[in-house]
Amino acid sequence: MAAVSGLIRVMEKAARKAGNRLRRDFGEVEHLQVSRKGPADFVSKADMRSERTIYDELTAARPGWGFVMEEAGTIEGEEGQPRFIVDPLDGTSNFLHGIPHFAISIAVQEPKLDGSGWGDVVAGVVYQPVTDETYWAEKSRGAWLHDARLRVSGRRHLSEALIATGIPYGGHGDFGEWARIFGAIGPQVAGIRRFGAASLDLAWVAAGRFDGFWESDLADWDTAAGCLIVREAGGFVSDYRGRSMPIHSRQVLAANDALHSRLHKILAGSLK
């Protein structure tokens, strides 16, 4: 078992504090489903409260660090300091409809040594409040679910693989592109799932629950922690061209080494 670093403890504490409130708010959302107005306004406030809690906790623990957040946007930190990349409620539509599958995602990205921009993601936490599961990773220290080491699945054949994806929706994503990819991959795999929270999809790839994952048109806060967790669990993460970057958001393809190469070949061929 890896000793949990101070940084991971700080991130997990912030996620748990925000998650406790999200669990209470989620109970209210389930009751609001039957109201005429509906829960949308309530959920928006829950999202913002979660972000504020995380911001306050992390700022107190790491003053001077920057932030990239879904609601508040980019907050510059002191020169040379890392930044937190925060999704306070990944799976908002699930939350909104009373579906108990959502997460908090927090990552840390370091600046490049030459000052030319942002470099590697060095720590990531994905916390699922309903199940009280904390997936975490630090660069070169492996990926973990609480104190259990995570490994991507060992499946080598697409016919045995369960693949996760995200489906475009109103105003977001390219339906035609997704349909071509689905049409190419679907017939060759054991199944495809769409659960609606990219950070958890990636964490589940790291845990071997899913054998692969693809999605496009995400944001950095959706994938920054999850990409690191997959890599530290022995998996591969790239864009649709096979390029590897610190964070993948516009295009993400994740799997173990054997399945990644097969999935990439099929995906790239479907888009020619």
C-alpha atoms as a PDB file:
ATOM      1  CA  MET A   1       0.000   0.000   0.000  1.00  0.00           C
ATOM      2  CA  ALA A   2       1.276   3.479  -0.884  1.00  0.00           C
ATOM      3  CA  ALA A   3       1.432   6.061   1.873  1.00  0.00           C
ATOM      4  CA  VAL A   4      -1.105   8.786   1.115  1.00  0.00           C
ATOM      5  CA  SER A   5       0.673  12.096   0.598  1.00  0.00           C
ATOM      6  CA  GLY A   6      -0.305  15.366   2.209  1.00  0.00           C
ATOM      7  CA  LEU A   7      -1.515  16.681  -1.136  1.00  0.00           C
ATOM      8  CA  ILE A   8      -3.878  13.754  -1.721  1.00  0.00           C
ATOM      9  CA  ARG A   9      -5.177  14.091   1.845  1.00  0.00           C
ATOM     10  CA  VAL A  10      -5.929  17.771   1.223  1.00  0.00           C
ATOM     11  CA  MET A  11      -7.733  16.996  -2.032  1.00  0.00           C
ATOM     12  CA  GLU A  12      -9.715  14.119  -0.550  1.00  0.00           C
ATOM     13  CA  LYS A  13     -10.727  16.190   2.476  1.00  0.00           C
ATOM     14  CA  ALA A  14     -12.075  18.926   0.196  1.00  0.00           C
ATOM     15  CA  ALA A  15     -13.916  16.396  -1.971  1.00  0.00           C
ATOM     16  CA  ARG A  16     -15.442  14.648   1.034  1.00  0.00           C
ATOM     17  CA  LYS A  17     -16.612  17.878   2.618  1.00  0.00           C
ATOM     18  CA  ALA A  18     -18.297  18.954  -0.614  1.00  0.00           C
ATOM     19  CA  GLY A  19     -19.570  15.412  -1.145  1.00  0.00           C
ATOM     20  CA  ASN A  20     -21.322  15.309   2.224  1.00  0.00           C
ATOM     21  CA  ARG A  21     -23.394  18.316   1.209  1.00  0.00           C
ATOM     22  CA  LEU A  22     -24.059  16.877  -2.253  1.00  0.00           C
ATOM     23  CA  ARG A  23     -25.422  13.693  -0.645  1.00  0.00           C
ATOM     24  CA  ARG A  24     -27.869  15.769   1.414  1.00  0.00           C
ATOM     25  CA  ASP A  25     -28.819  17.869  -1.611  1.00  0.00           C
ATOM     26  CA  PHE A  26     -29.309  14.705  -3.669  1.00  0.00           C
ATOM     27  CA  GLY A  27     -31.924  13.532  -1.194  1.00  0.00           C
ATOM     28  CA  GLU A  28     -33.777  16.801  -1.752  1.00  0.00           C
ATOM     29  CA  VAL A  29     -33.526  16.465  -5.537  1.00  0.00           C
ATOM     30  CA  GLU A  30     -35.270  13.102  -5.402  1.00  0.00           C
ATOM     31  CA  HIS A  31     -38.222  14.765  -3.650  1.00  0.00           C
ATOM     32  CA  LEU A  32     -38.209  17.704  -6.071  1.00  0.00           C
ATOM     33  CA  GLN A  33     -38.705  15.384  -9.037  1.00  0.00           C
ATOM     34  CA  VAL A  34     -42.460  15.506  -8.472  1.00  0.00           C
ATOM     35  CA  SER A  35     -42.685  19.298  -8.160  1.00  0.00           C
ATOM     36  CA  ARG A  36     -44.016  21.420 -10.986  1.00  0.00           C
ATOM     37  CA  LYS A  37     -40.987  23.708 -11.103  1.00  0.00           C
ATOM     38  CA  GLY A  38     -38.554  20.829 -11.039  1.00  0.00           C
ATOM     39  CA  PRO A  39     -35.100  20.645  -9.428  1.00  0.00           C
ATOM     40  CA  ALA A  40     -32.973  22.489 -12.023  1.00  0.00           C
ATOM     41  CA  ASP A  41     -32.462  25.693 -10.000  1.00  0.00           C
ATOM     42  CA  PHE A  42     -31.748  23.698  -6.863  1.00  0.00           C
ATOM     43  CA  VAL A  43     -29.131  21.583  -8.634  1.00  0.00           C
ATOM     44  CA  SER A  44     -27.404  24.671 -10.054  1.00  0.00           C
ATOM     45  CA  LYS A  45     -27.062  26.020  -6.514  1.00  0.00           C
ATOM     46  CA  ALA A  46     -25.806  22.648  -5.264  1.00  0.00           C
ATOM     47  CA  ASP A  47     -23.135  22.678  -7.972  1.00  0.00           C
ATOM     48  CA  MET A  48     -21.983  26.167  -6.997  1.00  0.00           C
ATOM     49  CA  ARG A  49     -22.009  25.361  -3.274  1.00  0.00           C
ATOM     50  CA  SER A  50     -19.857  22.303  -3.929  1.00  0.00           C
ATOM     51  CA  GLU A  51     -17.377  24.358  -5.934  1.00  0.00           C
ATOM     52  CA  ARG A  52     -17.195  27.043  -3.237  1.00  0.00           C
ATOM     53  CA  THR A  53     -16.556  24.441  -0.532  1.00  0.00           C
ATOM     54  CA  ILE A  54     -13.755  22.858  -2.549  1.00  0.00           C
ATOM     55  CA  TYR A  55     -12.226  26.237  -3.369  1.00  0.00           C
ATOM     56  CA  ASP A  56     -12.247  27.363   0.262  1.00  0.00           C
ATOM     57  CA  GLU A  57     -10.738  24.106   1.514  1.00  0.00           C
ATOM     58  CA  LEU A  58      -7.991  23.973  -1.105  1.00  0.00           C
ATOM     59  CA  THR A  59      -7.126  27.669  -0.830  1.00  0.00           C
ATOM     60  CA  ALA A  60      -6.725  27.347   2.926  1.00  0.00           C
ATOM     61  CA  ALA A  61      -4.426  24.345   2.491  1.00  0.00           C
ATOM     62  CA  ARG A  62      -2.459  25.593  -0.548  1.00  0.00           C
ATOM     63  CA  PRO A  63      -2.552  29.394  -0.643  1.00  0.00           C
ATOM     64  CA  GLY A  64      -1.177  30.909  -3.827  1.00  0.00           C
ATOM     65  CA  TRP A  65      -2.153  28.001  -6.069  1.00  0.00           C
ATOM     66  CA  GLY A  66      -4.325  28.676  -9.109  1.00  0.00           C
ATOM     67  CA  PHE A  67      -7.650  27.141 -10.120  1.00  0.00           C
ATOM     68  CA  VAL A  68      -9.515  26.062 -13.224  1.00  0.00           C
ATOM     69  CA  MET A  69     -13.159  25.498 -12.275  1.00  0.00           C
ATOM     70  CA  GLU A  70     -16.366  24.765 -14.130  1.00  0.00           C
ATOM     71  CA  GLU A  71     -18.374  27.592 -12.609  1.00  0.00           C
ATOM     72  CA  ALA A  72     -15.825  30.231 -11.572  1.00  0.00           C
ATOM     73  CA  GLY A  73     -13.465  29.745 -14.517  1.00  0.00           C
ATOM     74  CA  THR A  74      -9.721  30.338 -14.266  1.00  0.00           C
ATOM     75  CA  ILE A  75      -8.258  31.945 -11.162  1.00  0.00           C
ATOM     76  CA  GLU A  76      -4.578  32.713 -11.575  1.00  0.00           C
ATOM     77  CA  GLY A  77      -2.237  31.705  -8.768  1.00  0.00           C
ATOM     78  CA  GLU A  78       1.165  32.994  -7.843  1.00  0.00           C
ATOM     79  CA  GLU A  79       3.863  32.663 -10.484  1.00  0.00           C
ATOM     80  CA  GLY A  80       5.430  29.218 -10.581  1.00  0.00           C
ATOM     81  CA  GLN A  81       2.736  27.596  -8.447  1.00  0.00           C
ATOM     82  CA  PRO A  82       0.624  24.606  -9.534  1.00  0.00           C
ATOM     83  CA  ARG A  83      -3.104  24.835 -10.144  1.00  0.00           C
ATOM     84  CA  PHE A  84      -6.132  22.781  -9.180  1.00  0.00           C
ATOM     85  CA  ILE A  85      -8.535  21.655 -11.908  1.00  0.00           C
ATOM     86  CA  VAL A  86     -11.956  21.126 -10.342  1.00  0.00           C
ATOM     87  CA  ASP A  87     -15.279  19.654 -11.417  1.00  0.00           C
ATOM     88  CA  PRO A  88     -17.547  20.083  -8.382  1.00  0.00           C
ATOM     89  CA  LEU A  89     -20.326  17.900  -9.798  1.00  0.00           C
ATOM     90  CA  ASP A  90     -19.581  15.620 -12.740  1.00  0.00           C
ATOM     91  CA  GLY A  91     -22.787  13.936 -13.809  1.00  0.00           C
ATOM     92  CA  THR A  92     -25.062  16.943 -13.299  1.00  0.00           C
ATOM     93  CA  SER A  93     -27.832  15.477 -15.472  1.00  0.00           C
ATOM     94  CA  ASN A  94     -27.804  12.295 -13.390  1.00  0.00           C
ATOM     95  CA  PHE A  95     -27.987  14.374 -10.212  1.00  0.00           C
ATOM     96  CA  LEU A  96     -30.786  16.468 -11.693  1.00  0.00           C
ATOM     97  CA  HIS A  97     -32.885  13.388 -12.464  1.00  0.00           C
ATOM     98  CA  GLY A  98     -32.274  11.601  -9.172  1.00  0.00           C
ATOM     99  CA  ILE A  99     -29.844   9.045 -10.622  1.00  0.00           C
ATOM    100  CA  PRO A 100     -27.181   8.164  -7.995  1.00  0.00           C
ATOM    101  CA  HIS A 101     -24.154   8.266 -10.290  1.00  0.00           C
ATOM    102  CA  PHE A 102     -22.063  11.437 -10.044  1.00  0.00           C
ATOM    103  CA  ALA A 103     -18.654  12.490  -8.755  1.00  0.00           C
ATOM    104  CA  ILE A 104     -16.293  15.249  -7.705  1.00  0.00           C
ATOM    105  CA  SER A 105     -13.044  15.474  -9.675  1.00  0.00           C
ATOM    106  CA  ILE A 106      -9.924  17.357  -8.517  1.00  0.00           C
ATOM    107  CA  ALA A 107      -6.539  17.341 -10.260  1.00  0.00           C
ATOM    108  CA  VAL A 108      -3.253  19.172  -9.813  1.00  0.00           C
ATOM    109  CA  GLN A 109      -1.313  20.410 -12.830  1.00  0.00           C
ATOM    110  CA  GLU A 110       2.218  21.784 -12.615  1.00  0.00           C
ATOM    111  CA  PRO A 111       3.639  24.618 -14.722  1.00  0.00           C
ATOM    112  CA  LYS A 112       6.360  23.778 -17.216  1.00  0.00           C
ATOM    113  CA  LEU A 113       9.838  24.466 -15.901  1.00  0.00           C
ATOM    114  CA  ASP A 114      10.600  26.840 -18.772  1.00  0.00           C
ATOM    115  CA  GLY A 115       7.519  28.925 -18.020  1.00  0.00           C
ATOM    116  CA  SER A 116       5.955  28.204 -21.416  1.00  0.00           C
ATOM    117  CA  GLY A 117       2.616  26.984 -20.078  1.00  0.00           C
ATOM    118  CA  TRP A 118       1.182  24.045 -18.196  1.00  0.00           C
ATOM    119  CA  GLY A 119       2.746  20.622 -17.991  1.00  0.00           C
ATOM    120  CA  ASP A 120       1.947  17.309 -16.345  1.00  0.00           C
ATOM    121  CA  VAL A 121      -0.953  16.458 -14.097  1.00  0.00           C
ATOM    122  CA  VAL A 122       0.724  15.095 -10.978  1.00  0.00           C
ATOM    123  CA  ALA A 123      -2.198  14.234  -8.692  1.00  0.00           C
ATOM    124  CA  GLY A 124      -5.846  13.362  -9.131  1.00  0.00           C
ATOM    125  CA  VAL A 125      -8.848  12.451  -6.982  1.00  0.00           C
ATOM    126  CA  VAL A 126     -12.259  11.277  -8.179  1.00  0.00           C
ATOM    127  CA  TYR A 127     -14.734  10.969  -5.300  1.00  0.00           C
ATOM    128  CA  GLN A 128     -18.136   9.305  -5.676  1.00  0.00           C
ATOM    129  CA  PRO A 129     -20.287  10.624  -2.792  1.00  0.00           C
ATOM    130  CA  VAL A 130     -23.130   8.077  -2.975  1.00  0.00           C
ATOM    131  CA  THR A 131     -20.828   5.042  -2.713  1.00  0.00           C
ATOM    132  CA  ASP A 132     -18.149   6.875  -0.678  1.00  0.00           C
ATOM    133  CA  GLU A 133     -15.420   5.699  -3.071  1.00  0.00           C
ATOM    134  CA  THR A 134     -12.196   7.687  -3.486  1.00  0.00           C
ATOM    135  CA  TYR A 135     -10.112   6.934  -6.576  1.00  0.00           C
ATOM    136  CA  TRP A 136      -6.739   8.644  -6.486  1.00  0.00           C
ATOM    137  CA  ALA A 137      -3.353   8.707  -8.141  1.00  0.00           C
ATOM    138  CA  GLU A 138      -0.069  10.556  -8.031  1.00  0.00           C
ATOM    139  CA  LYS A 139       2.423  10.594 -10.854  1.00  0.00           C
ATOM    140  CA  SER A 140       4.781   7.585 -10.650  1.00  0.00           C
ATOM    141  CA  ARG A 141       3.071   6.292  -7.472  1.00  0.00           C
ATOM    142  CA  GLY A 142       0.274   4.211  -8.934  1.00  0.00           C
ATOM    143  CA  ALA A 143      -3.509   4.461  -8.802  1.00  0.00           C
ATOM    144  CA  TRP A 144      -5.658   3.468  -5.858  1.00  0.00           C
ATOM    145  CA  LEU A 145      -9.216   2.962  -4.632  1.00  0.00           C
ATOM    146  CA  HIS A 146      -8.849   3.908  -0.989  1.00  0.00           C
ATOM    147  CA  ASP A 147      -5.879   1.660  -0.056  1.00  0.00           C
ATOM    148  CA  ALA A 148      -6.322  -0.963  -2.803  1.00  0.00           C
ATOM    149  CA  ARG A 149      -4.071  -0.788  -5.856  1.00  0.00           C
ATOM    150  CA  LEU A 150      -5.870  -0.315  -9.167  1.00  0.00           C
ATOM    151  CA  ARG A 151      -4.969  -2.090 -12.399  1.00  0.00           C
ATOM    152  CA  VAL A 152      -6.614  -1.792 -15.783  1.00  0.00           C
ATOM    153  CA  SER A 153      -8.280  -4.970 -17.010  1.00  0.00           C
ATOM    154  CA  GLY A 154      -6.173  -7.723 -18.557  1.00  0.00           C
ATOM    155  CA  ARG A 155      -8.621  -8.531 -21.341  1.00  0.00           C
ATOM    156  CA  ARG A 156      -6.963  -8.743 -24.741  1.00  0.00           C
ATOM    157  CA  HIS A 157      -9.912  -9.448 -27.032  1.00  0.00           C
ATOM    158  CA  LEU A 158     -12.515  -6.907 -28.099  1.00  0.00           C
ATOM    159  CA  SER A 159     -15.181  -9.602 -28.098  1.00  0.00           C
ATOM    160  CA  GLU A 160     -14.816  -9.792 -24.295  1.00  0.00           C
ATOM    161  CA  ALA A 161     -14.522  -6.052 -23.685  1.00  0.00           C
ATOM    162  CA  LEU A 162     -17.092  -3.766 -22.055  1.00  0.00           C
ATOM    163  CA  ILE A 163     -16.585  -0.230 -23.351  1.00  0.00           C
ATOM    164  CA  ALA A 164     -17.916   3.035 -21.921  1.00  0.00           C
ATOM    165  CA  THR A 165     -18.738   6.179 -23.873  1.00  0.00           C
ATOM    166  CA  GLY A 166     -20.471   9.518 -23.671  1.00  0.00           C
ATOM    167  CA  ILE A 167     -23.287  10.331 -26.086  1.00  0.00           C
ATOM    168  CA  PRO A 168     -23.707  13.820 -27.584  1.00  0.00           C
ATOM    169  CA  TYR A 169     -26.732  15.788 -26.445  1.00  0.00           C
ATOM    170  CA  GLY A 170     -28.489  19.023 -27.349  1.00  0.00           C
ATOM    171  CA  GLY A 171     -25.897  21.627 -28.302  1.00  0.00           C
ATOM    172  CA  HIS A 172     -22.903  19.491 -27.313  1.00  0.00           C
ATOM    173  CA  GLY A 173     -20.915  17.081 -29.430  1.00  0.00           C
ATOM    174  CA  ASP A 174     -21.019  15.753 -32.954  1.00  0.00           C
ATOM    175  CA  PHE A 175     -23.802  13.178 -33.412  1.00  0.00           C
ATOM    176  CA  GLY A 176     -22.534  12.097 -36.819  1.00  0.00           C
ATOM    177  CA  GLU A 177     -19.004  11.459 -35.587  1.00  0.00           C
ATOM    178  CA  TRP A 178     -20.229   9.552 -32.537  1.00  0.00           C
ATOM    179  CA  ALA A 179     -22.571   7.431 -34.644  1.00  0.00           C
ATOM    180  CA  ARG A 180     -19.734   6.438 -36.998  1.00  0.00           C
ATOM    181  CA  ILE A 181     -17.518   5.428 -34.098  1.00  0.00           C
ATOM    182  CA  PHE A 182     -20.341   3.527 -32.397  1.00  0.00           C
ATOM    183  CA  GLY A 183     -21.196   1.759 -35.631  1.00  0.00           C
ATOM    184  CA  ALA A 184     -17.601   0.601 -36.003  1.00  0.00           C
ATOM    185  CA  ILE A 185     -16.875  -0.393 -32.395  1.00  0.00           C
ATOM    186  CA  GLY A 186     -20.288  -1.692 -31.304  1.00  0.00           C
ATOM    187  CA  PRO A 187     -20.395  -4.889 -33.370  1.00  0.00           C
ATOM    188  CA  GLN A 188     -16.939  -5.953 -32.189  1.00  0.00           C
ATOM    189  CA  VAL A 189     -17.278  -5.635 -28.394  1.00  0.00           C
ATOM    190  CA  ALA A 190     -19.227  -7.369 -25.627  1.00  0.00           C
ATOM    191  CA  GLY A 191     -21.172  -4.245 -24.778  1.00  0.00           C
ATOM    192  CA  ILE A 192     -21.210  -0.458 -24.646  1.00  0.00           C
ATOM    193  CA  ARG A 193     -22.352   1.573 -21.628  1.00  0.00           C
ATOM    194  CA  ARG A 194     -23.230   5.246 -21.177  1.00  0.00           C
ATOM    195  CA  PHE A 195     -23.388   6.214 -17.497  1.00  0.00           C
ATOM    196  CA  GLY A 196     -23.063   9.984 -17.777  1.00  0.00           C
ATOM    197  CA  ALA A 197     -20.005  10.951 -15.703  1.00  0.00           C
ATOM    198  CA  ALA A 198     -16.677  10.939 -17.581  1.00  0.00           C
ATOM    199  CA  SER A 199     -14.512  11.154 -14.465  1.00  0.00           C
ATOM    200  CA  LEU A 200     -16.101   7.969 -13.125  1.00  0.00           C
ATOM    201  CA  ASP A 201     -15.897   6.263 -16.522  1.00  0.00           C
ATOM    202  CA  LEU A 202     -12.145   6.830 -16.492  1.00  0.00           C
ATOM    203  CA  ALA A 203     -11.808   5.747 -12.854  1.00  0.00           C
ATOM    204  CA  TRP A 204     -13.715   2.572 -13.698  1.00  0.00           C
ATOM    205  CA  VAL A 205     -11.347   1.886 -16.608  1.00  0.00           C
ATOM    206  CA  ALA A 206      -8.502   2.163 -14.093  1.00  0.00           C
ATOM    207  CA  ALA A 207     -10.323  -0.255 -11.787  1.00  0.00           C
ATOM    208  CA  GLY A 208     -10.917  -2.769 -14.588  1.00  0.00           C
ATOM    209  CA  ARG A 209     -14.707  -2.392 -14.404  1.00  0.00           C
ATOM    210  CA  PHE A 210     -14.693  -1.001 -17.931  1.00  0.00           C
ATOM    211  CA  ASP A 211     -12.173  -2.224 -20.480  1.00  0.00           C
ATOM    212  CA  GLY A 212     -12.123   1.034 -22.455  1.00  0.00           C
ATOM    213  CA  PHE A 213     -13.698   4.447 -22.873  1.00  0.00           C
ATOM    214  CA  TRP A 214     -14.118   7.028 -25.591  1.00  0.00           C
ATOM    215  CA  GLU A 215     -15.752  10.443 -25.664  1.00  0.00           C
ATOM    216  CA  SER A 216     -15.254  13.873 -27.218  1.00  0.00           C
ATOM    217  CA  ASP A 217     -16.225  17.466 -26.482  1.00  0.00           C
ATOM    218  CA  LEU A 218     -15.446  17.293 -22.766  1.00  0.00           C
ATOM    219  CA  ALA A 219     -13.720  19.905 -20.609  1.00  0.00           C
ATOM    220  CA  ASP A 220     -10.383  19.718 -18.792  1.00  0.00           C
ATOM    221  CA  TRP A 221     -12.125  19.408 -15.416  1.00  0.00           C
ATOM    222  CA  ASP A 222     -13.996  16.316 -16.674  1.00  0.00           C
ATOM    223  CA  THR A 223     -10.860  14.348 -17.514  1.00  0.00           C
ATOM    224  CA  ALA A 224      -7.742  15.767 -15.820  1.00  0.00           C
ATOM    225  CA  ALA A 225      -7.879  13.499 -12.757  1.00  0.00           C
ATOM    226  CA  GLY A 226      -9.275  10.493 -14.614  1.00  0.00           C
ATOM    227  CA  CYS A 227      -6.574  10.489 -17.290  1.00  0.00           C
ATOM    228  CA  LEU A 228      -3.855  10.346 -14.640  1.00  0.00           C
ATOM    229  CA  ILE A 229      -5.649   7.598 -12.715  1.00  0.00           C
ATOM    230  CA  VAL A 230      -5.907   5.433 -15.854  1.00  0.00           C
ATOM    231  CA  ARG A 231      -2.239   5.943 -16.719  1.00  0.00           C
ATOM    232  CA  GLU A 232      -1.086   5.167 -13.193  1.00  0.00           C
ATOM    233  CA  ALA A 233      -3.203   1.989 -13.308  1.00  0.00           C
ATOM    234  CA  GLY A 234      -1.190   0.846 -16.331  1.00  0.00           C
ATOM    235  CA  GLY A 235      -3.538   2.071 -19.051  1.00  0.00           C
ATOM    236  CA  PHE A 236      -3.099   4.208 -22.151  1.00  0.00           C
ATOM    237  CA  VAL A 237      -4.865   7.514 -22.825  1.00  0.00           C
ATOM    238  CA  SER A 238      -4.741   9.388 -26.130  1.00  0.00           C
ATOM    239  CA  ASP A 239      -6.788  11.475 -28.515  1.00  0.00           C
ATOM    240  CA  TYR A 240      -8.384   9.971 -31.625  1.00  0.00           C
ATOM    241  CA  ARG A 241      -5.121  10.376 -33.541  1.00  0.00           C
ATOM    242  CA  GLY A 242      -3.190   8.435 -30.942  1.00  0.00           C
ATOM    243  CA  ARG A 243      -1.415  11.470 -29.493  1.00  0.00           C
ATOM    244  CA  SER A 244      -0.724  11.589 -25.766  1.00  0.00           C
ATOM    245  CA  MET A 245      -1.046  14.850 -23.816  1.00  0.00           C
ATOM    246  CA  PRO A 246      -1.261  15.684 -20.092  1.00  0.00           C
ATOM    247  CA  ILE A 247      -5.033  16.260 -20.318  1.00  0.00           C
ATOM    248  CA  HIS A 248      -7.442  14.974 -22.943  1.00  0.00           C
ATOM    249  CA  SER A 249     -10.783  16.721 -23.187  1.00  0.00           C
ATOM    250  CA  ARG A 250     -11.693  17.345 -26.806  1.00  0.00           C
ATOM    251  CA  GLN A 251     -11.054  13.673 -27.596  1.00  0.00           C
ATOM    252  CA  VAL A 252     -10.381  10.833 -25.145  1.00  0.00           C
ATOM    253  CA  LEU A 253      -9.618   7.175 -25.807  1.00  0.00           C
ATOM    254  CA  ALA A 254      -8.555   5.068 -22.807  1.00  0.00           C
ATOM    255  CA  ALA A 255      -7.911   1.333 -22.374  1.00  0.00           C
ATOM    256  CA  ASN A 256      -5.169  -1.175 -21.613  1.00  0.00           C
ATOM    257  CA  ASP A 257      -2.309  -1.423 -24.100  1.00  0.00           C
ATOM    258  CA  ALA A 258      -3.714  -4.215 -26.274  1.00  0.00           C
ATOM    259  CA  LEU A 259      -7.275  -2.910 -26.450  1.00  0.00           C
ATOM    260  CA  HIS A 260      -6.195   0.703 -26.897  1.00  0.00           C
ATOM    261  CA  SER A 261      -4.305  -0.131 -30.085  1.00  0.00           C
ATOM    262  CA  ARG A 262      -7.252  -2.123 -31.453  1.00  0.00           C
ATOM    263  CA  LEU A 263      -9.829   0.481 -30.495  1.00  0.00           C
ATOM    264  CA  HIS A 264      -7.705   3.273 -31.930  1.00  0.00           C
ATOM    265  CA  LYS A 265      -7.391   1.490 -35.253  1.00  0.00           C
ATOM    266  CA  ILE A 266     -11.163   0.983 -35.469  1.00  0.00           C
ATOM    267  CA  LEU A 267     -11.984   4.495 -34.296  1.00  0.00           C
ATOM    268  CA  ALA A 268      -9.539   6.203 -36.630  1.00  0.00           C
ATOM    269  CA  GLY A 269     -10.778   4.103 -39.536  1.00  0.00           C
ATOM    270  CA  SER A 270     -14.371   5.071 -38.847  1.00  0.00           C
ATOM    271  CA  LEU A 271     -13.534   8.772 -39.176  1.00  0.00           C
ATOM    272  CA  LYS A 272     -11.662   8.613 -42.495  1.00  0.00           C
END
